[in-house]
């Protein structure tokens, strides 16, 4: 009986995963009617049970602060855009993520964790989850960055917030803590596990 259940479970996962069709987009593939700020980090078009979608993530890199209080301030920001593709091939913005550091005269960071972007169907409901992991910081020492994991599933938003982990020596490690928001705490356990695993894979900070 256990073997039969395992086979059935595997079959369901394969069918649900197959429902999410993902295509990587080059900059030239992005429709001209879609606007964005910054430099593209990820761009994908995917189809799930709810229809067809486009997601673009961007970073601005460092830019000079206008009217800086210190005179040498710099800004950095990151964005994510999610568009629903309508039946007549038009694009409707359904959610957007924006975070930033402004007027920083120290070491500045507003970057996605490399390789962390993902489109999944962890809970096998046919609706794709979009995962974003990023860090922001303005610091003049070896200290943790502010770290966030944002996940969207349809019109639902989930978030983890905390800090990265820095290792000063074999015995000195700082940071790494996080908290789930209410959506994660009350949502499916499979999503919390995937989120925690993703957080731990990207927790180590670099300088």
N, C-alpha and C. Protein backbone atom coordinates (compact mmCIF):
# COMPACT_ATOMS: atom_id res chain seq x y z
N UNK A 1 0.82 -1.21 0.00
CA UNK A 1 0.00 0.00 0.00
C UNK A 1 0.86 1.26 0.00
N UNK A 2 1.97 1.27 0.79
CA UNK A 2 2.85 2.42 0.84
C UNK A 2 3.47 2.70 -0.52
N UNK A 3 3.84 1.63 -1.23
CA UNK A 3 4.44 1.77 -2.54
C UNK A 3 3.45 2.40 -3.51
N UNK A 4 2.19 1.95 -3.45
CA UNK A 4 1.15 2.49 -4.33
C UNK A 4 0.94 3.97 -4.06
N UNK A 5 0.89 4.35 -2.78
CA UNK A 5 0.70 5.75 -2.42
C UNK A 5 1.86 6.60 -2.89
N UNK A 6 3.08 6.08 -2.77
CA UNK A 6 4.25 6.82 -3.22
C UNK A 6 4.22 7.07 -4.71
N UNK A 7 3.80 6.05 -5.46
CA UNK A 7 3.72 6.19 -6.91
C UNK A 7 2.67 7.22 -7.29
N UNK A 8 1.52 7.17 -6.61
CA UNK A 8 0.45 8.13 -6.88
C UNK A 8 0.92 9.54 -6.56
N UNK A 9 1.60 9.71 -5.42
CA UNK A 9 2.09 11.03 -5.02
C UNK A 9 3.08 11.57 -6.03
N UNK A 10 4.00 10.73 -6.50
CA UNK A 10 4.97 11.15 -7.49
C UNK A 10 4.28 11.57 -8.78
N UNK A 11 3.26 10.82 -9.16
CA UNK A 11 2.53 11.11 -10.39
C UNK A 11 1.86 12.48 -10.30
N UNK A 12 1.26 12.78 -9.14
CA UNK A 12 0.59 14.06 -8.95
C UNK A 12 1.58 15.20 -9.05
N UNK A 13 2.77 15.06 -8.42
CA UNK A 13 3.78 16.09 -8.48
C UNK A 13 4.21 16.35 -9.91
N UNK A 14 4.42 15.28 -10.68
CA UNK A 14 4.85 15.43 -12.05
C UNK A 14 3.79 16.14 -12.90
N UNK A 15 2.53 15.77 -12.69
CA UNK A 15 1.45 16.41 -13.45
C UNK A 15 1.37 17.90 -13.10
N UNK A 16 1.44 18.24 -11.79
CA UNK A 16 1.33 19.63 -11.37
C UNK A 16 2.49 20.45 -11.86
N UNK A 17 3.70 19.90 -11.80
CA UNK A 17 4.87 20.61 -12.28
C UNK A 17 4.76 20.86 -13.77
N UNK A 18 4.24 19.90 -14.49
CA UNK A 18 4.12 20.02 -15.94
C UNK A 18 3.14 21.13 -16.33
N UNK A 19 2.25 21.51 -15.41
CA UNK A 19 1.29 22.57 -15.71
C UNK A 19 1.95 23.94 -15.79
N UNK A 20 3.13 24.10 -15.20
CA UNK A 20 3.85 25.36 -15.21
C UNK A 20 4.88 25.32 -16.33
N UNK A 21 4.60 26.02 -17.41
CA UNK A 21 5.51 26.06 -18.55
C UNK A 21 6.25 27.39 -18.54
N UNK A 22 7.58 27.32 -18.49
CA UNK A 22 8.41 28.52 -18.30
C UNK A 22 9.32 28.72 -19.51
N UNK A 23 9.38 29.95 -20.00
CA UNK A 23 10.27 30.32 -21.10
C UNK A 23 11.12 31.51 -20.68
N UNK A 24 12.43 31.38 -20.81
CA UNK A 24 13.33 32.49 -20.53
C UNK A 24 13.20 33.54 -21.64
N UNK A 25 13.22 34.81 -21.26
CA UNK A 25 13.08 35.90 -22.23
C UNK A 25 14.38 36.71 -22.32
N UNK A 26 14.80 36.98 -23.55
CA UNK A 26 15.87 37.95 -23.76
C UNK A 26 15.26 39.35 -23.72
N UNK A 27 16.10 40.35 -23.57
CA UNK A 27 15.61 41.72 -23.51
C UNK A 27 14.78 42.05 -24.74
N UNK A 28 15.19 41.55 -25.90
CA UNK A 28 14.47 41.84 -27.14
C UNK A 28 13.14 41.11 -27.23
N UNK A 29 12.92 40.11 -26.36
CA UNK A 29 11.66 39.37 -26.36
C UNK A 29 10.57 40.08 -25.57
N UNK A 30 10.97 41.04 -24.74
CA UNK A 30 9.99 41.71 -23.88
C UNK A 30 9.16 42.68 -24.71
N UNK A 31 7.83 42.56 -24.66
CA UNK A 31 6.97 43.45 -25.45
C UNK A 31 7.27 44.93 -25.18
N UNK A 32 7.23 45.75 -26.21
CA UNK A 32 7.59 47.15 -26.08
C UNK A 32 6.62 47.93 -25.20
N UNK A 33 5.42 47.41 -25.01
CA UNK A 33 4.45 48.10 -24.16
C UNK A 33 4.73 47.91 -22.67
N UNK A 34 5.65 46.99 -22.33
CA UNK A 34 6.03 46.76 -20.93
C UNK A 34 7.23 47.64 -20.59
N UNK A 35 7.08 48.46 -19.58
CA UNK A 35 8.16 49.35 -19.17
C UNK A 35 8.72 48.89 -17.82
N UNK A 36 9.98 49.18 -17.59
CA UNK A 36 10.62 48.80 -16.33
C UNK A 36 11.80 49.73 -16.07
N UNK A 37 12.23 49.78 -14.83
CA UNK A 37 13.39 50.58 -14.43
C UNK A 37 14.54 49.64 -14.09
N UNK A 38 15.76 50.10 -14.36
CA UNK A 38 16.94 49.32 -14.00
C UNK A 38 17.38 48.36 -15.08
N UNK A 39 18.34 47.51 -14.71
CA UNK A 39 18.91 46.52 -15.62
C UNK A 39 18.28 45.15 -15.34
N UNK A 40 17.93 44.43 -16.38
CA UNK A 40 17.24 43.16 -16.21
C UNK A 40 18.15 42.13 -15.56
N UNK A 41 17.63 41.47 -14.53
CA UNK A 41 18.32 40.35 -13.89
C UNK A 41 17.68 39.03 -14.35
N UNK A 42 16.35 38.99 -14.32
CA UNK A 42 15.60 37.82 -14.78
C UNK A 42 14.40 38.29 -15.59
N UNK A 43 14.06 37.53 -16.62
CA UNK A 43 12.84 37.80 -17.38
C UNK A 43 12.31 36.47 -17.90
N UNK A 44 11.07 36.14 -17.52
CA UNK A 44 10.48 34.87 -17.93
C UNK A 44 9.03 35.08 -18.32
N UNK A 45 8.55 34.19 -19.16
CA UNK A 45 7.13 34.09 -19.50
C UNK A 45 6.69 32.70 -19.11
N UNK A 46 5.61 32.59 -18.37
CA UNK A 46 5.18 31.27 -17.91
C UNK A 46 3.66 31.14 -17.99
N UNK A 47 3.22 29.91 -18.03
CA UNK A 47 1.80 29.60 -18.09
C UNK A 47 1.44 28.66 -16.96
N UNK A 48 0.38 28.99 -16.22
CA UNK A 48 -0.14 28.10 -15.19
C UNK A 48 -1.66 28.00 -15.36
N UNK A 49 -2.33 27.45 -14.36
CA UNK A 49 -3.78 27.24 -14.44
C UNK A 49 -4.55 28.56 -14.62
N UNK A 50 -3.96 29.65 -14.15
CA UNK A 50 -4.63 30.95 -14.22
C UNK A 50 -4.41 31.67 -15.54
N UNK A 51 -3.47 31.18 -16.36
CA UNK A 51 -3.22 31.82 -17.64
C UNK A 51 -1.75 32.04 -17.91
N UNK A 52 -1.47 33.06 -18.70
CA UNK A 52 -0.10 33.35 -19.11
C UNK A 52 0.40 34.61 -18.42
N UNK A 53 1.70 34.63 -18.06
CA UNK A 53 2.25 35.70 -17.25
C UNK A 53 3.67 36.04 -17.71
N UNK A 54 4.11 37.25 -17.37
CA UNK A 54 5.50 37.68 -17.57
C UNK A 54 6.00 38.26 -16.26
N UNK A 55 7.21 37.85 -15.86
CA UNK A 55 7.86 38.40 -14.67
C UNK A 55 9.22 38.93 -15.06
N UNK A 56 9.52 40.15 -14.61
CA UNK A 56 10.82 40.77 -14.86
C UNK A 56 11.38 41.27 -13.53
N UNK A 57 12.63 40.95 -13.24
CA UNK A 57 13.31 41.50 -12.06
C UNK A 57 14.46 42.37 -12.54
N UNK A 58 14.69 43.49 -11.85
CA UNK A 58 15.73 44.43 -12.27
C UNK A 58 16.47 45.00 -11.06
N UNK A 59 17.66 45.50 -11.32
CA UNK A 59 18.45 46.26 -10.35
C UNK A 59 18.94 47.53 -11.02
N UNK A 60 19.02 48.61 -10.27
CA UNK A 60 19.54 49.86 -10.84
C UNK A 60 21.05 49.96 -10.73
N UNK A 61 21.65 49.21 -9.78
CA UNK A 61 23.05 49.44 -9.45
C UNK A 61 23.17 50.76 -8.69
N UNK A 62 24.40 51.20 -8.46
CA UNK A 62 24.62 52.44 -7.73
C UNK A 62 24.42 53.66 -8.63
N UNK A 63 23.70 54.64 -8.11
CA UNK A 63 23.51 55.91 -8.82
C UNK A 63 23.72 57.05 -7.83
N UNK A 64 24.16 58.19 -8.31
CA UNK A 64 24.39 59.34 -7.45
C UNK A 64 23.07 59.88 -6.90
N UNK A 65 23.08 60.22 -5.63
CA UNK A 65 21.88 60.80 -5.00
C UNK A 65 21.75 62.26 -5.39
N UNK A 66 20.58 62.63 -5.87
CA UNK A 66 20.32 64.04 -6.15
C UNK A 66 20.12 64.79 -4.84
N UNK A 67 20.76 65.92 -4.71
CA UNK A 67 20.64 66.74 -3.50
C UNK A 67 21.03 65.94 -2.26
N UNK A 68 22.15 65.22 -2.34
CA UNK A 68 22.62 64.40 -1.22
C UNK A 68 22.95 65.27 -0.01
N UNK A 69 22.53 64.83 1.16
CA UNK A 69 22.83 65.56 2.39
C UNK A 69 24.31 65.52 2.72
N UNK A 70 24.98 64.43 2.33
CA UNK A 70 26.40 64.30 2.64
C UNK A 70 27.29 64.78 1.49
N UNK A 71 26.71 64.96 0.33
CA UNK A 71 27.48 65.41 -0.82
C UNK A 71 28.03 64.28 -1.67
N UNK A 72 28.13 63.07 -1.10
CA UNK A 72 28.64 61.93 -1.87
C UNK A 72 27.72 60.72 -1.75
N UNK A 73 26.45 60.97 -1.50
CA UNK A 73 25.49 59.88 -1.32
C UNK A 73 25.19 59.15 -2.62
N UNK A 74 24.87 57.86 -2.46
CA UNK A 74 24.51 57.03 -3.61
C UNK A 74 23.22 56.28 -3.30
N UNK A 75 22.46 56.00 -4.35
CA UNK A 75 21.21 55.25 -4.25
C UNK A 75 21.37 53.90 -4.95
N UNK A 76 20.55 52.97 -4.57
CA UNK A 76 20.47 51.68 -5.27
C UNK A 76 19.08 51.13 -5.03
N UNK A 77 18.49 50.52 -6.06
CA UNK A 77 17.12 50.02 -5.94
C UNK A 77 16.97 48.74 -6.74
N UNK A 78 15.92 48.01 -6.42
CA UNK A 78 15.57 46.82 -7.20
C UNK A 78 14.06 46.75 -7.36
N UNK A 79 13.65 46.12 -8.44
CA UNK A 79 12.24 46.03 -8.79
C UNK A 79 11.90 44.62 -9.25
N UNK A 80 10.62 44.29 -9.14
CA UNK A 80 10.08 43.10 -9.79
C UNK A 80 8.69 43.46 -10.32
N UNK A 81 8.39 43.01 -11.53
CA UNK A 81 7.13 43.33 -12.19
C UNK A 81 6.46 42.03 -12.63
N UNK A 82 5.17 41.92 -12.35
CA UNK A 82 4.41 40.75 -12.79
C UNK A 82 3.24 41.22 -13.64
N UNK A 83 3.19 40.71 -14.87
CA UNK A 83 2.12 41.06 -15.80
C UNK A 83 1.29 39.83 -16.14
N UNK A 84 -0.02 40.00 -16.15
CA UNK A 84 -0.92 38.99 -16.70
C UNK A 84 -1.10 39.27 -18.19
N UNK A 85 -1.04 38.22 -19.00
CA UNK A 85 -1.24 38.36 -20.44
C UNK A 85 -2.71 38.09 -20.73
N UNK A 86 -3.39 39.07 -21.31
CA UNK A 86 -4.82 38.93 -21.58
C UNK A 86 -5.04 38.20 -22.90
N UNK A 87 -6.31 37.91 -23.16
CA UNK A 87 -6.65 37.15 -24.36
C UNK A 87 -6.29 37.82 -25.65
N UNK A 88 -6.29 39.16 -25.69
CA UNK A 88 -5.92 39.88 -26.90
C UNK A 88 -4.46 40.31 -26.87
N UNK A 89 -3.65 39.56 -26.12
CA UNK A 89 -2.20 39.76 -26.03
C UNK A 89 -1.82 41.15 -25.52
N UNK A 90 -2.59 41.62 -24.56
CA UNK A 90 -2.24 42.84 -23.84
C UNK A 90 -1.69 42.44 -22.47
N UNK A 91 -1.06 43.39 -21.78
CA UNK A 91 -0.33 43.07 -20.57
C UNK A 91 -0.80 43.97 -19.43
N UNK A 92 -1.27 43.32 -18.36
CA UNK A 92 -1.80 44.06 -17.22
C UNK A 92 -0.91 43.83 -16.00
N UNK A 93 -0.36 44.91 -15.44
CA UNK A 93 0.48 44.79 -14.25
C UNK A 93 -0.38 44.37 -13.07
N UNK A 94 -0.05 43.23 -12.46
CA UNK A 94 -0.85 42.73 -11.33
C UNK A 94 -0.16 42.91 -9.99
N UNK A 95 1.17 42.92 -9.97
CA UNK A 95 1.89 43.29 -8.75
C UNK A 95 3.29 43.78 -9.09
N UNK A 96 3.84 44.53 -8.16
CA UNK A 96 5.18 45.08 -8.34
C UNK A 96 5.89 45.12 -6.99
N UNK A 97 7.18 44.78 -6.97
CA UNK A 97 8.00 44.87 -5.78
C UNK A 97 9.06 45.95 -5.99
N UNK A 98 9.29 46.75 -4.95
CA UNK A 98 10.28 47.82 -5.02
C UNK A 98 10.93 47.96 -3.66
N UNK A 99 12.26 47.97 -3.64
CA UNK A 99 12.98 48.22 -2.40
C UNK A 99 14.24 49.00 -2.76
N UNK A 100 14.81 49.70 -1.76
CA UNK A 100 15.89 50.62 -2.11
C UNK A 100 16.71 51.02 -0.89
N UNK A 101 17.87 51.57 -1.16
CA UNK A 101 18.71 52.29 -0.20
C UNK A 101 18.98 53.65 -0.82
N UNK A 102 18.89 54.71 -0.02
CA UNK A 102 19.08 56.05 -0.59
C UNK A 102 20.09 56.86 0.24
N UNK A 103 20.78 57.74 -0.45
CA UNK A 103 21.74 58.69 0.14
C UNK A 103 22.73 58.00 1.07
N UNK A 104 23.37 56.96 0.57
CA UNK A 104 24.34 56.18 1.35
C UNK A 104 25.75 56.58 0.93
N UNK A 105 26.57 56.96 1.89
CA UNK A 105 27.96 57.32 1.60
C UNK A 105 28.93 56.22 2.01
N UNK A 106 28.38 55.06 2.43
CA UNK A 106 29.20 53.91 2.82
C UNK A 106 29.09 52.84 1.73
N UNK A 107 29.32 51.58 2.09
CA UNK A 107 29.14 50.49 1.13
C UNK A 107 27.64 50.24 0.95
N UNK A 108 27.18 50.27 -0.28
CA UNK A 108 25.74 50.19 -0.55
C UNK A 108 25.42 48.89 -1.29
N UNK A 109 24.25 48.35 -0.99
CA UNK A 109 23.82 47.11 -1.64
C UNK A 109 22.30 47.11 -1.78
N UNK A 110 21.83 46.73 -2.95
CA UNK A 110 20.41 46.45 -3.21
C UNK A 110 20.41 45.46 -4.36
N UNK A 111 20.57 44.19 -4.02
CA UNK A 111 20.79 43.17 -5.04
C UNK A 111 20.01 41.90 -4.75
N UNK A 112 19.59 41.22 -5.81
CA UNK A 112 19.02 39.89 -5.68
C UNK A 112 20.13 38.88 -5.39
N UNK A 113 19.83 37.90 -4.57
CA UNK A 113 20.78 36.82 -4.33
C UNK A 113 20.96 36.03 -5.62
N UNK A 114 22.18 35.87 -6.09
CA UNK A 114 22.41 35.20 -7.38
C UNK A 114 21.80 33.80 -7.42
N UNK A 115 21.06 33.51 -8.49
CA UNK A 115 20.50 32.18 -8.68
C UNK A 115 19.29 31.86 -7.83
N UNK A 116 18.78 32.83 -7.09
CA UNK A 116 17.68 32.54 -6.16
C UNK A 116 16.29 32.67 -6.78
N UNK A 117 16.17 33.37 -7.90
CA UNK A 117 14.87 33.55 -8.55
C UNK A 117 14.33 32.20 -9.01
N UNK A 118 13.04 31.96 -8.74
CA UNK A 118 12.45 30.67 -9.12
C UNK A 118 10.96 30.82 -9.38
N UNK A 119 10.46 29.99 -10.30
CA UNK A 119 9.03 29.81 -10.54
C UNK A 119 8.74 28.35 -10.21
N UNK A 120 7.83 28.11 -9.28
CA UNK A 120 7.57 26.74 -8.82
C UNK A 120 6.08 26.50 -8.68
N UNK A 121 5.74 25.27 -8.35
CA UNK A 121 4.39 24.91 -7.90
C UNK A 121 4.55 23.95 -6.73
N UNK A 122 5.09 24.48 -5.64
CA UNK A 122 5.43 23.66 -4.48
C UNK A 122 4.21 22.98 -3.88
N UNK A 123 3.08 23.69 -3.81
CA UNK A 123 1.89 23.11 -3.19
C UNK A 123 1.00 22.37 -4.20
N UNK A 124 1.47 22.23 -5.43
CA UNK A 124 0.78 21.41 -6.43
C UNK A 124 -0.68 21.79 -6.66
N UNK A 125 -0.95 23.09 -6.72
CA UNK A 125 -2.33 23.52 -6.97
C UNK A 125 -2.52 24.10 -8.37
N UNK A 126 -1.47 24.04 -9.20
CA UNK A 126 -1.57 24.53 -10.56
C UNK A 126 -1.33 26.02 -10.71
N UNK A 127 -1.18 26.75 -9.58
CA UNK A 127 -0.90 28.18 -9.60
C UNK A 127 0.57 28.38 -9.24
N UNK A 128 1.31 29.03 -10.11
CA UNK A 128 2.76 29.18 -9.91
C UNK A 128 3.08 30.11 -8.75
N UNK A 129 4.18 29.78 -8.08
CA UNK A 129 4.76 30.66 -7.07
C UNK A 129 5.99 31.34 -7.67
N UNK A 130 6.10 32.65 -7.44
CA UNK A 130 7.25 33.43 -7.91
C UNK A 130 8.07 33.82 -6.68
N UNK A 131 9.34 33.40 -6.65
CA UNK A 131 10.20 33.58 -5.48
C UNK A 131 11.28 34.63 -5.76
N UNK A 132 11.39 35.60 -4.85
CA UNK A 132 12.41 36.65 -4.92
C UNK A 132 13.18 36.68 -3.61
N UNK A 133 14.50 36.72 -3.69
CA UNK A 133 15.35 36.83 -2.49
C UNK A 133 16.35 37.94 -2.74
N UNK A 134 16.43 38.90 -1.81
CA UNK A 134 17.35 40.01 -2.04
C UNK A 134 17.87 40.58 -0.71
N UNK A 135 18.94 41.38 -0.84
CA UNK A 135 19.57 42.01 0.32
C UNK A 135 19.73 43.50 0.07
N UNK A 136 19.57 44.29 1.12
CA UNK A 136 19.84 45.72 1.06
C UNK A 136 20.72 46.10 2.24
N UNK A 137 21.62 47.06 2.03
CA UNK A 137 22.51 47.48 3.11
C UNK A 137 23.16 48.81 2.78
N UNK A 138 23.46 49.57 3.82
CA UNK A 138 24.32 50.73 3.78
C UNK A 138 25.20 50.60 5.02
N UNK A 139 26.44 50.20 4.84
CA UNK A 139 27.26 49.84 6.00
C UNK A 139 28.72 50.17 5.76
N UNK A 140 29.41 50.43 6.86
CA UNK A 140 30.83 50.71 6.81
C UNK A 140 31.62 49.70 7.60
N UNK A 141 30.99 48.58 7.92
CA UNK A 141 31.66 47.53 8.67
C UNK A 141 31.20 46.17 8.15
N UNK A 142 31.71 45.12 8.77
CA UNK A 142 31.31 43.76 8.39
C UNK A 142 30.10 43.38 9.25
N UNK A 143 28.94 43.69 8.76
CA UNK A 143 27.70 43.42 9.49
C UNK A 143 26.67 42.83 8.53
N UNK A 144 25.64 42.17 9.06
CA UNK A 144 24.63 41.56 8.18
C UNK A 144 23.86 42.59 7.37
N UNK A 145 23.41 42.17 6.20
CA UNK A 145 22.49 42.97 5.39
C UNK A 145 21.06 42.68 5.82
N UNK A 146 20.18 43.61 5.53
CA UNK A 146 18.77 43.31 5.61
C UNK A 146 18.44 42.33 4.48
N UNK A 147 17.74 41.26 4.80
CA UNK A 147 17.45 40.22 3.80
C UNK A 147 15.94 39.95 3.78
N UNK A 148 15.41 39.78 2.59
CA UNK A 148 13.98 39.52 2.44
C UNK A 148 13.74 38.43 1.40
N UNK A 149 12.77 37.62 1.66
CA UNK A 149 12.25 36.65 0.69
C UNK A 149 10.79 37.00 0.46
N UNK A 150 10.45 37.32 -0.77
CA UNK A 150 9.08 37.65 -1.14
C UNK A 150 8.58 36.60 -2.12
N UNK A 151 7.40 36.07 -1.86
CA UNK A 151 6.82 35.09 -2.77
C UNK A 151 5.40 35.50 -3.11
N UNK A 152 5.06 35.43 -4.39
CA UNK A 152 3.70 35.69 -4.85
C UNK A 152 3.13 34.41 -5.46
N UNK A 153 1.93 34.09 -5.06
CA UNK A 153 1.18 32.99 -5.67
C UNK A 153 -0.17 33.55 -6.07
N UNK A 154 -0.34 33.83 -7.37
CA UNK A 154 -1.55 34.51 -7.80
C UNK A 154 -1.64 35.88 -7.17
N UNK A 155 -2.74 36.17 -6.49
CA UNK A 155 -2.90 37.47 -5.84
C UNK A 155 -2.48 37.44 -4.37
N UNK A 156 -1.87 36.35 -3.92
CA UNK A 156 -1.42 36.24 -2.53
C UNK A 156 0.07 36.57 -2.42
N UNK A 157 0.43 37.33 -1.40
CA UNK A 157 1.83 37.68 -1.15
C UNK A 157 2.27 37.07 0.18
N UNK A 158 3.47 36.47 0.18
CA UNK A 158 4.07 35.89 1.37
C UNK A 158 5.44 36.55 1.56
N UNK A 159 5.88 36.70 2.82
CA UNK A 159 7.17 37.35 3.05
C UNK A 159 7.90 36.75 4.25
N UNK A 160 9.22 36.65 4.10
CA UNK A 160 10.15 36.39 5.21
C UNK A 160 11.05 37.61 5.30
N UNK A 161 11.32 38.04 6.52
CA UNK A 161 12.19 39.21 6.70
C UNK A 161 13.18 38.91 7.82
N UNK A 162 14.43 39.33 7.59
CA UNK A 162 15.45 39.09 8.60
C UNK A 162 16.76 39.69 8.16
N UNK A 163 17.83 38.95 8.36
CA UNK A 163 19.16 39.45 8.01
C UNK A 163 20.04 38.32 7.52
N UNK A 164 21.03 38.69 6.72
CA UNK A 164 21.98 37.71 6.22
C UNK A 164 22.92 37.28 7.35
N UNK A 165 23.76 36.32 7.04
CA UNK A 165 24.71 35.81 8.03
C UNK A 165 26.13 36.14 7.59
N UNK A 166 26.92 36.67 8.52
CA UNK A 166 28.33 36.97 8.24
C UNK A 166 29.20 36.20 9.22
N UNK A 167 30.32 35.69 8.71
CA UNK A 167 31.24 34.90 9.53
C UNK A 167 32.53 35.68 9.71
N UNK A 168 32.80 36.08 10.95
CA UNK A 168 34.01 36.82 11.25
C UNK A 168 35.18 35.89 11.57
N UNK A 169 34.87 34.77 12.18
CA UNK A 169 35.87 33.77 12.53
C UNK A 169 35.14 32.45 12.73
N UNK A 170 35.86 31.41 13.09
CA UNK A 170 35.23 30.10 13.33
C UNK A 170 34.20 30.16 14.44
N UNK A 171 34.41 31.08 15.38
CA UNK A 171 33.51 31.16 16.53
C UNK A 171 32.58 32.37 16.48
N UNK A 172 32.84 33.30 15.60
CA UNK A 172 32.04 34.51 15.54
C UNK A 172 31.19 34.54 14.27
N UNK A 173 29.91 34.31 14.43
CA UNK A 173 28.96 34.35 13.33
C UNK A 173 27.79 35.25 13.74
N UNK A 174 27.46 36.20 12.89
CA UNK A 174 26.39 37.13 13.21
C UNK A 174 25.26 37.02 12.18
N UNK A 175 24.04 37.28 12.65
CA UNK A 175 22.90 37.36 11.74
C UNK A 175 22.28 36.01 11.44
N UNK A 176 21.45 36.02 10.41
CA UNK A 176 20.80 34.79 9.96
C UNK A 176 19.39 34.60 10.46
N UNK A 177 18.92 35.47 11.33
CA UNK A 177 17.57 35.29 11.87
C UNK A 177 16.52 35.77 10.87
N UNK A 178 15.31 35.24 11.01
CA UNK A 178 14.22 35.66 10.14
C UNK A 178 12.89 35.42 10.83
N UNK A 179 11.85 36.03 10.30
CA UNK A 179 10.49 35.79 10.75
C UNK A 179 9.59 35.60 9.54
N UNK A 180 8.62 34.69 9.66
CA UNK A 180 7.58 34.52 8.65
C UNK A 180 6.47 35.53 8.90
N UNK A 181 5.88 36.04 7.84
CA UNK A 181 4.68 36.86 8.03
C UNK A 181 3.47 35.97 8.24
N UNK A 182 2.32 36.58 8.46
CA UNK A 182 1.11 35.81 8.77
C UNK A 182 0.71 34.89 7.62
N UNK A 183 0.93 35.33 6.38
CA UNK A 183 0.56 34.50 5.23
C UNK A 183 1.35 33.19 5.23
N UNK A 184 2.65 33.26 5.50
CA UNK A 184 3.46 32.04 5.56
C UNK A 184 3.07 31.19 6.77
N UNK A 185 2.84 31.83 7.92
CA UNK A 185 2.55 31.08 9.15
C UNK A 185 1.26 30.29 9.03
N UNK A 186 0.28 30.83 8.31
CA UNK A 186 -1.02 30.17 8.21
C UNK A 186 -1.20 29.41 6.90
N UNK A 187 -0.21 29.52 6.01
CA UNK A 187 -0.30 28.86 4.71
C UNK A 187 0.19 27.42 4.76
N UNK A 188 0.26 26.76 3.62
CA UNK A 188 0.69 25.37 3.55
C UNK A 188 2.11 25.17 4.09
N UNK A 189 2.30 24.06 4.81
CA UNK A 189 3.61 23.76 5.38
C UNK A 189 4.66 23.60 4.30
N UNK A 190 4.27 23.09 3.13
CA UNK A 190 5.23 22.89 2.04
C UNK A 190 5.84 24.21 1.60
N UNK A 191 5.07 25.29 1.62
CA UNK A 191 5.60 26.60 1.24
C UNK A 191 6.58 27.12 2.27
N UNK A 192 6.27 26.93 3.56
CA UNK A 192 7.21 27.35 4.62
C UNK A 192 8.52 26.60 4.52
N UNK A 193 8.44 25.30 4.25
CA UNK A 193 9.67 24.50 4.14
C UNK A 193 10.52 24.96 2.96
N UNK A 194 9.89 25.16 1.82
CA UNK A 194 10.63 25.62 0.65
C UNK A 194 11.25 26.99 0.92
N UNK A 195 10.48 27.87 1.58
CA UNK A 195 10.98 29.21 1.89
C UNK A 195 12.19 29.14 2.83
N UNK A 196 12.08 28.33 3.88
CA UNK A 196 13.19 28.21 4.84
C UNK A 196 14.43 27.62 4.18
N UNK A 197 14.23 26.62 3.33
CA UNK A 197 15.36 26.01 2.62
C UNK A 197 16.02 27.04 1.69
N UNK A 198 15.20 27.82 0.99
CA UNK A 198 15.72 28.84 0.08
C UNK A 198 16.48 29.91 0.85
N UNK A 199 15.93 30.30 1.99
CA UNK A 199 16.60 31.30 2.84
C UNK A 199 17.98 30.79 3.25
N UNK A 200 18.03 29.57 3.73
CA UNK A 200 19.30 29.02 4.22
C UNK A 200 20.33 28.84 3.10
N UNK A 201 19.87 28.59 1.89
CA UNK A 201 20.79 28.47 0.76
C UNK A 201 21.43 29.80 0.39
N UNK A 202 20.74 30.89 0.73
CA UNK A 202 21.20 32.22 0.32
C UNK A 202 21.61 33.11 1.49
N UNK A 203 21.77 32.53 2.65
CA UNK A 203 21.95 33.31 3.88
C UNK A 203 23.33 33.93 4.01
N UNK A 204 24.36 33.30 3.42
CA UNK A 204 25.72 33.79 3.61
C UNK A 204 25.96 35.07 2.81
N UNK A 205 26.43 36.09 3.49
CA UNK A 205 26.69 37.36 2.85
C UNK A 205 28.13 37.43 2.35
N UNK A 206 28.35 38.24 1.34
CA UNK A 206 29.69 38.44 0.79
C UNK A 206 30.02 39.92 0.78
N UNK A 207 31.29 40.23 0.76
CA UNK A 207 31.74 41.61 0.79
C UNK A 207 32.71 41.89 -0.35
